[in-house]
Amino acid sequence: MTVQASTFNGARKHLERPTPRVALGIALRGIATSAIDISDGLLGDLGHILKLSKVGATVQTGWIKGSLEYALAGGDDYELLFTAPAIKGDAVEAIAKQSSVQITRIGRIEAEQGLRLVAPNGKPMTNTFVSFDHFA
């Protein structure tokens, strides 16, 4: 099996049998300031949080292994995207460990509205990614 085939099969498994992060979500009550499942794509669902909260974000992309498009715009992941104050980082890590869910810090929320992407080399990058839109 090639790397591409194993990646596809792993993604297909998660699509056909998603594992909702209910325990993690419940445990984050009182710590997370927002949360959403990633069903329409990471950037699309983050956009919902940013719009409703009237804030912006800077997202680092160095954590992504493989296709930026799949990671940032691909949907039906049903993973939990949440925001929490940086000062609560140790509590978030403990909750993730207790819930047996691997988490990744992908960026930061900022007062300045809009979404900013940072390439793995640390330079700003243009957002050309399009997530699923139910109403388009």
Protein backbone atom coordinates (compact mmCIF):
# COMPACT_ATOMS: atom_id res chain seq x y z
CA MET A 1 0.00 0.00 0.00
CA THR A 2 1.43 3.39 -0.95
CA VAL A 3 1.47 6.37 1.37
CA GLN A 4 -1.30 7.97 -0.68
CA ALA A 5 -3.46 4.85 -0.46
CA SER A 6 -2.96 4.54 3.30
CA THR A 7 -3.79 8.23 3.75
CA PHE A 8 -6.92 7.80 1.64
CA ASN A 9 -7.97 4.68 3.55
CA GLY A 10 -7.43 6.42 6.89
CA ALA A 11 -9.50 9.40 5.78
CA ARG A 12 -12.20 7.10 4.41
CA LYS A 13 -12.37 5.23 7.71
CA HIS A 14 -12.89 8.50 9.61
CA LEU A 15 -15.49 9.64 7.08
CA GLU A 16 -17.50 6.43 7.23
CA ARG A 17 -17.15 5.96 10.99
CA PRO A 18 -16.49 9.32 12.62
CA THR A 19 -15.56 9.42 16.28
CA PRO A 20 -17.34 12.38 17.85
CA ARG A 21 -15.19 14.16 20.43
CA VAL A 22 -18.05 14.41 22.91
CA ALA A 23 -15.98 13.63 26.02
CA LEU A 24 -13.41 16.25 25.06
CA GLY A 25 -16.11 18.83 24.37
CA ILE A 26 -17.83 18.21 27.70
CA ALA A 27 -14.52 18.32 29.58
CA LEU A 28 -13.67 21.67 27.96
CA ARG A 29 -16.77 23.36 29.42
CA GLY A 30 -15.69 26.40 31.37
CA ILE A 31 -12.29 26.45 29.66
CA ALA A 32 -13.02 26.67 25.93
CA THR A 33 -14.46 29.98 24.76
CA SER A 34 -15.88 28.45 21.57
CA ALA A 35 -16.06 25.07 19.86
CA ILE A 36 -17.30 23.63 16.57
CA ASP A 37 -16.89 20.35 14.72
CA ILE A 38 -14.89 20.47 11.52
CA SER A 39 -17.45 19.29 9.02
CA ASP A 40 -17.13 22.05 6.41
CA GLY A 41 -13.34 22.38 6.52
CA LEU A 42 -11.06 23.79 9.19
CA LEU A 43 -10.86 27.31 7.77
CA GLY A 44 -14.57 27.41 6.94
CA ASP A 45 -15.60 26.35 10.42
CA LEU A 46 -13.01 28.62 12.03
CA GLY A 47 -14.56 31.38 9.92
CA HIS A 48 -17.91 30.74 11.64
CA ILE A 49 -16.28 31.22 15.04
CA LEU A 50 -14.47 34.37 13.93
CA LYS A 51 -17.57 35.92 12.39
CA LEU A 52 -19.83 35.24 15.37
CA SER A 53 -17.17 36.31 17.86
CA LYS A 54 -16.16 39.39 15.83
CA VAL A 55 -12.47 38.53 16.13
CA GLY A 56 -9.68 37.36 13.84
CA ALA A 57 -7.06 34.65 13.88
CA THR A 58 -3.57 33.80 12.73
CA VAL A 59 -3.22 30.15 11.74
CA GLN A 60 0.19 28.51 11.47
CA THR A 61 0.48 25.80 8.80
CA GLY A 62 3.77 24.18 9.85
CA TRP A 63 1.91 21.46 11.78
CA ILE A 64 0.29 20.14 8.59
CA LYS A 65 1.68 16.92 7.18
CA GLY A 66 0.62 16.45 3.58
CA SER A 67 -1.78 18.55 1.55
CA LEU A 68 -2.55 22.06 2.82
CA GLU A 69 -5.78 22.00 0.82
CA TYR A 70 -7.02 18.82 2.47
CA ALA A 71 -6.04 19.97 5.94
CA LEU A 72 -7.42 23.51 5.65
CA ALA A 73 -10.40 23.14 3.32
CA GLY A 74 -11.32 19.45 3.40
CA GLY A 75 -14.44 18.60 5.38
CA ASP A 76 -16.26 15.78 7.09
CA ASP A 77 -13.49 15.37 9.66
CA TYR A 78 -15.79 15.78 12.65
CA GLU A 79 -12.85 16.73 14.79
CA LEU A 80 -13.32 19.44 17.39
CA LEU A 81 -11.99 22.92 16.72
CA PHE A 82 -12.00 25.05 19.84
CA THR A 83 -10.53 28.20 21.28
CA ALA A 84 -9.23 28.66 24.79
CA PRO A 85 -7.16 31.31 26.53
CA ALA A 86 -3.41 30.62 26.31
CA ILE A 87 -3.22 30.78 30.11
CA LYS A 88 -5.42 27.65 30.19
CA GLY A 89 -2.96 25.65 28.06
CA ASP A 90 -1.96 23.23 30.84
CA ALA A 91 -5.61 22.54 31.67
CA VAL A 92 -6.40 21.92 28.00
CA GLU A 93 -3.46 19.51 27.68
CA ALA A 94 -4.60 17.61 30.79
CA ILE A 95 -8.16 17.35 29.48
CA ALA A 96 -6.96 16.10 26.10
CA LYS A 97 -4.80 13.45 27.77
CA GLN A 98 -7.67 12.41 30.05
CA SER A 99 -9.99 12.20 27.02
CA SER A 100 -7.37 10.24 25.00
CA VAL A 101 -7.56 12.80 22.19
CA GLN A 102 -4.48 14.24 20.50
CA ILE A 103 -4.78 18.01 20.13
CA THR A 104 -2.74 20.48 18.13
CA ARG A 105 -2.44 24.20 18.73
CA ILE A 106 -2.81 25.72 15.27
CA GLY A 107 -2.74 29.45 15.94
CA ARG A 108 -4.16 32.26 18.00
CA ILE A 109 -7.29 34.39 18.20
CA GLU A 110 -6.73 38.12 17.79
CA ALA A 111 -8.81 41.28 18.19
CA GLU A 112 -8.12 42.35 14.59
CA GLN A 113 -10.80 40.74 12.45
CA GLY A 114 -9.88 38.54 9.51
CA LEU A 115 -7.98 35.35 8.94
CA ARG A 116 -4.23 35.32 8.46
CA LEU A 117 -2.26 32.24 7.38
CA VAL A 118 1.43 31.68 8.05
CA ALA A 119 3.42 29.30 5.83
CA PRO A 120 5.76 26.72 7.38
CA ASN A 121 8.68 29.07 6.58
CA GLY A 122 7.10 31.76 8.80
CA LYS A 123 6.01 34.02 5.95
CA PRO A 124 2.42 35.20 5.44
CA MET A 125 0.51 33.30 2.78
CA THR A 126 -2.58 34.14 0.78
CA ASN A 127 -5.71 32.23 1.67
CA THR A 128 -6.82 30.56 -1.56
CA PHE A 129 -8.66 27.72 0.18
CA VAL A 130 -12.41 27.28 -0.19
CA SER A 131 -14.41 25.26 2.31
CA PHE A 132 -17.86 23.79 1.81
CA ASP A 133 -20.70 26.28 2.03
CA HIS A 134 -24.22 24.94 2.52
CA PHE A 135 -25.77 28.19 1.34
CA ALA A 136 -23.69 29.03 -1.73
